[in-house]
């Protein structure tokens, strides 16, 4: 399984970024995909998760600002991030959960939001 994130970068507060995750090798099928983030000195936390049946869960700190979406074939998952804040600065990781409930992670992409 390979998950490749892209779209990270630096932006000023109030700006927007769109992250993409390209997935391949999930031959057993997908149960869900999503985004997590980890800031320096903090634990990795849920940003957004989308599952089968279009069930979606957002972390409390991003509700109303971030939107997760995917292609029908699960090959691409997106995270549209609007109204970015300095506290959104972190490495963002793509995660896939296959139908065996095994987790797969990407290498991460840095998002930096300046005041």
C-alpha atoms as a PDB file:
ATOM      1  CA  UNK A   1       0.000   0.000   0.000  1.00  0.00           C
ATOM      2  CA  UNK A   2       1.278   3.427  -0.895  1.00  0.00           C
ATOM      3  CA  UNK A   3      -0.174   6.726   0.229  1.00  0.00           C
ATOM      4  CA  UNK A   4       1.389   9.892  -1.151  1.00  0.00           C
ATOM      5  CA  UNK A   5       0.397  13.282   0.244  1.00  0.00           C
ATOM      6  CA  UNK A   6       0.802  16.557  -1.595  1.00  0.00           C
ATOM      7  CA  UNK A   7      -0.382  20.134  -1.362  1.00  0.00           C
ATOM      8  CA  UNK A   8       1.268  21.208   1.852  1.00  0.00           C
ATOM      9  CA  UNK A   9       3.113  24.476   2.167  1.00  0.00           C
ATOM     10  CA  UNK A  10       3.210  27.820   3.890  1.00  0.00           C
ATOM     11  CA  UNK A  11       0.295  30.218   4.055  1.00  0.00           C
ATOM     12  CA  UNK A  12      -0.761  33.213   6.088  1.00  0.00           C
ATOM     13  CA  UNK A  13      -3.543  33.010   8.632  1.00  0.00           C
ATOM     14  CA  UNK A  14      -6.933  33.141   6.974  1.00  0.00           C
ATOM     15  CA  UNK A  15      -5.651  31.480   3.843  1.00  0.00           C
ATOM     16  CA  UNK A  16      -6.496  28.146   2.274  1.00  0.00           C
ATOM     17  CA  UNK A  17      -4.722  24.996   1.207  1.00  0.00           C
ATOM     18  CA  UNK A  18      -5.884  21.789  -0.405  1.00  0.00           C
ATOM     19  CA  UNK A  19      -4.153  18.548   0.474  1.00  0.00           C
ATOM     20  CA  UNK A  20      -4.319  15.469  -1.723  1.00  0.00           C
ATOM     21  CA  UNK A  21      -3.603  11.849  -0.906  1.00  0.00           C
ATOM     22  CA  UNK A  22      -3.018   9.421  -3.757  1.00  0.00           C
ATOM     23  CA  UNK A  23      -3.621   5.818  -2.749  1.00  0.00           C
ATOM     24  CA  UNK A  24      -2.501   2.641  -4.448  1.00  0.00           C
ATOM     25  CA  UNK A  25      -2.225  -1.013  -3.549  1.00  0.00           C
ATOM     26  CA  UNK A  26      -5.345  -1.246  -1.387  1.00  0.00           C
ATOM     27  CA  UNK A  27      -6.283  -4.497  -3.020  1.00  0.00           C
ATOM     28  CA  UNK A  28      -8.368  -5.839  -0.136  1.00  0.00           C
ATOM     29  CA  UNK A  29     -10.649  -2.841  -0.246  1.00  0.00           C
ATOM     30  CA  UNK A  30     -11.074   0.356   1.729  1.00  0.00           C
ATOM     31  CA  UNK A  31     -13.011   0.787   4.945  1.00  0.00           C
ATOM     32  CA  UNK A  32     -12.126   4.450   5.358  1.00  0.00           C
ATOM     33  CA  UNK A  33      -9.545   7.131   4.675  1.00  0.00           C
ATOM     34  CA  UNK A  34      -8.672  10.315   6.358  1.00  0.00           C
ATOM     35  CA  UNK A  35      -6.233  12.884   7.629  1.00  0.00           C
ATOM     36  CA  UNK A  36      -4.412  13.217  10.900  1.00  0.00           C
ATOM     37  CA  UNK A  37      -1.910  15.824  12.010  1.00  0.00           C
ATOM     38  CA  UNK A  38       0.912  16.124  14.461  1.00  0.00           C
ATOM     39  CA  UNK A  39       2.391  19.360  15.729  1.00  0.00           C
ATOM     40  CA  UNK A  40       5.792  19.487  17.448  1.00  0.00           C
ATOM     41  CA  UNK A  41       5.565  18.167  20.986  1.00  0.00           C
ATOM     42  CA  UNK A  42       1.963  17.031  20.569  1.00  0.00           C
ATOM     43  CA  UNK A  43       0.225  13.750  19.892  1.00  0.00           C
ATOM     44  CA  UNK A  44      -1.128  12.874  16.496  1.00  0.00           C
ATOM     45  CA  UNK A  45      -4.774  13.885  16.257  1.00  0.00           C
ATOM     46  CA  UNK A  46      -7.709  13.265  13.985  1.00  0.00           C
ATOM     47  CA  UNK A  47      -8.447  15.958  11.430  1.00  0.00           C
ATOM     48  CA  UNK A  48     -11.060  14.279   9.245  1.00  0.00           C
ATOM     49  CA  UNK A  49     -12.130  10.781   8.380  1.00  0.00           C
ATOM     50  CA  UNK A  50     -14.449   9.504   5.665  1.00  0.00           C
ATOM     51  CA  UNK A  51     -15.784   5.979   5.663  1.00  0.00           C
ATOM     52  CA  UNK A  52     -17.969   3.740   3.606  1.00  0.00           C
ATOM     53  CA  UNK A  53     -21.470   5.081   3.284  1.00  0.00           C
ATOM     54  CA  UNK A  54     -20.054   8.612   3.278  1.00  0.00           C
ATOM     55  CA  UNK A  55     -19.791   8.688   7.051  1.00  0.00           C
ATOM     56  CA  UNK A  56     -17.595  11.650   7.926  1.00  0.00           C
ATOM     57  CA  UNK A  57     -16.002  12.701  11.192  1.00  0.00           C
ATOM     58  CA  UNK A  58     -14.077  15.899  11.875  1.00  0.00           C
ATOM     59  CA  UNK A  59     -11.864  16.885  14.725  1.00  0.00           C
ATOM     60  CA  UNK A  60     -13.503  19.545  16.881  1.00  0.00           C
ATOM     61  CA  UNK A  61     -10.868  22.161  16.095  1.00  0.00           C
ATOM     62  CA  UNK A  62     -11.443  22.021  12.318  1.00  0.00           C
ATOM     63  CA  UNK A  63     -15.230  21.701  12.097  1.00  0.00           C
ATOM     64  CA  UNK A  64     -16.694  24.287   9.762  1.00  0.00           C
ATOM     65  CA  UNK A  65     -13.291  25.124   8.249  1.00  0.00           C
ATOM     66  CA  UNK A  66     -12.025  21.885   6.712  1.00  0.00           C
ATOM     67  CA  UNK A  67     -13.781  19.585   4.248  1.00  0.00           C
ATOM     68  CA  UNK A  68     -12.799  16.042   3.343  1.00  0.00           C
ATOM     69  CA  UNK A  69     -13.770  14.451   0.045  1.00  0.00           C
ATOM     70  CA  UNK A  70     -12.742  11.527  -2.098  1.00  0.00           C
ATOM     71  CA  UNK A  71     -13.009  10.075  -5.550  1.00  0.00           C
ATOM     72  CA  UNK A  72     -15.461   7.266  -6.048  1.00  0.00           C
ATOM     73  CA  UNK A  73     -12.703   4.678  -6.420  1.00  0.00           C
ATOM     74  CA  UNK A  74     -10.891   5.797  -3.218  1.00  0.00           C
ATOM     75  CA  UNK A  75      -7.747   6.525  -5.254  1.00  0.00           C
ATOM     76  CA  UNK A  76      -7.697  10.156  -4.141  1.00  0.00           C
ATOM     77  CA  UNK A  77      -8.707  11.790  -0.901  1.00  0.00           C
ATOM     78  CA  UNK A  78      -8.707  15.554  -0.465  1.00  0.00           C
ATOM     79  CA  UNK A  79      -8.671  17.912   2.470  1.00  0.00           C
ATOM     80  CA  UNK A  80      -9.799  21.445   1.719  1.00  0.00           C
ATOM     81  CA  UNK A  81      -8.568  23.700   4.496  1.00  0.00           C
ATOM     82  CA  UNK A  82     -10.028  27.196   4.772  1.00  0.00           C
ATOM     83  CA  UNK A  83      -9.630  29.961   7.342  1.00  0.00           C
ATOM     84  CA  UNK A  84      -6.318  28.507   8.426  1.00  0.00           C
ATOM     85  CA  UNK A  85      -4.936  29.454  11.818  1.00  0.00           C
ATOM     86  CA  UNK A  86      -1.368  29.322  13.166  1.00  0.00           C
ATOM     87  CA  UNK A  87      -2.477  26.457  15.424  1.00  0.00           C
ATOM     88  CA  UNK A  88      -3.179  24.385  12.308  1.00  0.00           C
ATOM     89  CA  UNK A  89       0.570  24.219  11.739  1.00  0.00           C
ATOM     90  CA  UNK A  90       1.570  20.554  11.730  1.00  0.00           C
ATOM     91  CA  UNK A  91       2.626  17.628   9.621  1.00  0.00           C
ATOM     92  CA  UNK A  92      -0.501  16.225   8.000  1.00  0.00           C
ATOM     93  CA  UNK A  93      -0.690  12.483   7.419  1.00  0.00           C
ATOM     94  CA  UNK A  94      -2.973  10.511   5.174  1.00  0.00           C
ATOM     95  CA  UNK A  95      -4.373   7.301   6.655  1.00  0.00           C
ATOM     96  CA  UNK A  96      -6.171   4.416   5.008  1.00  0.00           C
ATOM     97  CA  UNK A  97      -8.050   1.682   6.832  1.00  0.00           C
ATOM     98  CA  UNK A  98      -8.526  -1.424   4.761  1.00  0.00           C
ATOM     99  CA  UNK A  99     -11.368  -3.910   5.043  1.00  0.00           C
ATOM    100  CA  UNK A 100      -9.248  -6.017   7.394  1.00  0.00           C
ATOM    101  CA  UNK A 101      -9.131  -2.949   9.676  1.00  0.00           C
ATOM    102  CA  UNK A 102      -5.388  -2.540   9.125  1.00  0.00           C
ATOM    103  CA  UNK A 103      -4.025   1.007   9.132  1.00  0.00           C
ATOM    104  CA  UNK A 104      -1.726   2.409   6.477  1.00  0.00           C
ATOM    105  CA  UNK A 105       0.007   5.770   6.665  1.00  0.00           C
ATOM    106  CA  UNK A 106       1.613   8.193   4.281  1.00  0.00           C
ATOM    107  CA  UNK A 107       4.877  10.010   4.912  1.00  0.00           C
ATOM    108  CA  UNK A 108       3.211  13.300   5.734  1.00  0.00           C
ATOM    109  CA  UNK A 109       3.209  16.818   4.341  1.00  0.00           C
ATOM    110  CA  UNK A 110       4.094  19.976   6.247  1.00  0.00           C
ATOM    111  CA  UNK A 111       1.548  22.750   6.647  1.00  0.00           C
ATOM    112  CA  UNK A 112       2.780  26.004   8.143  1.00  0.00           C
ATOM    113  CA  UNK A 113       0.432  28.880   8.920  1.00  0.00           C
ATOM    114  CA  UNK A 114       1.992  32.205   9.828  1.00  0.00           C
ATOM    115  CA  UNK A 115       0.203  34.902  11.861  1.00  0.00           C
END
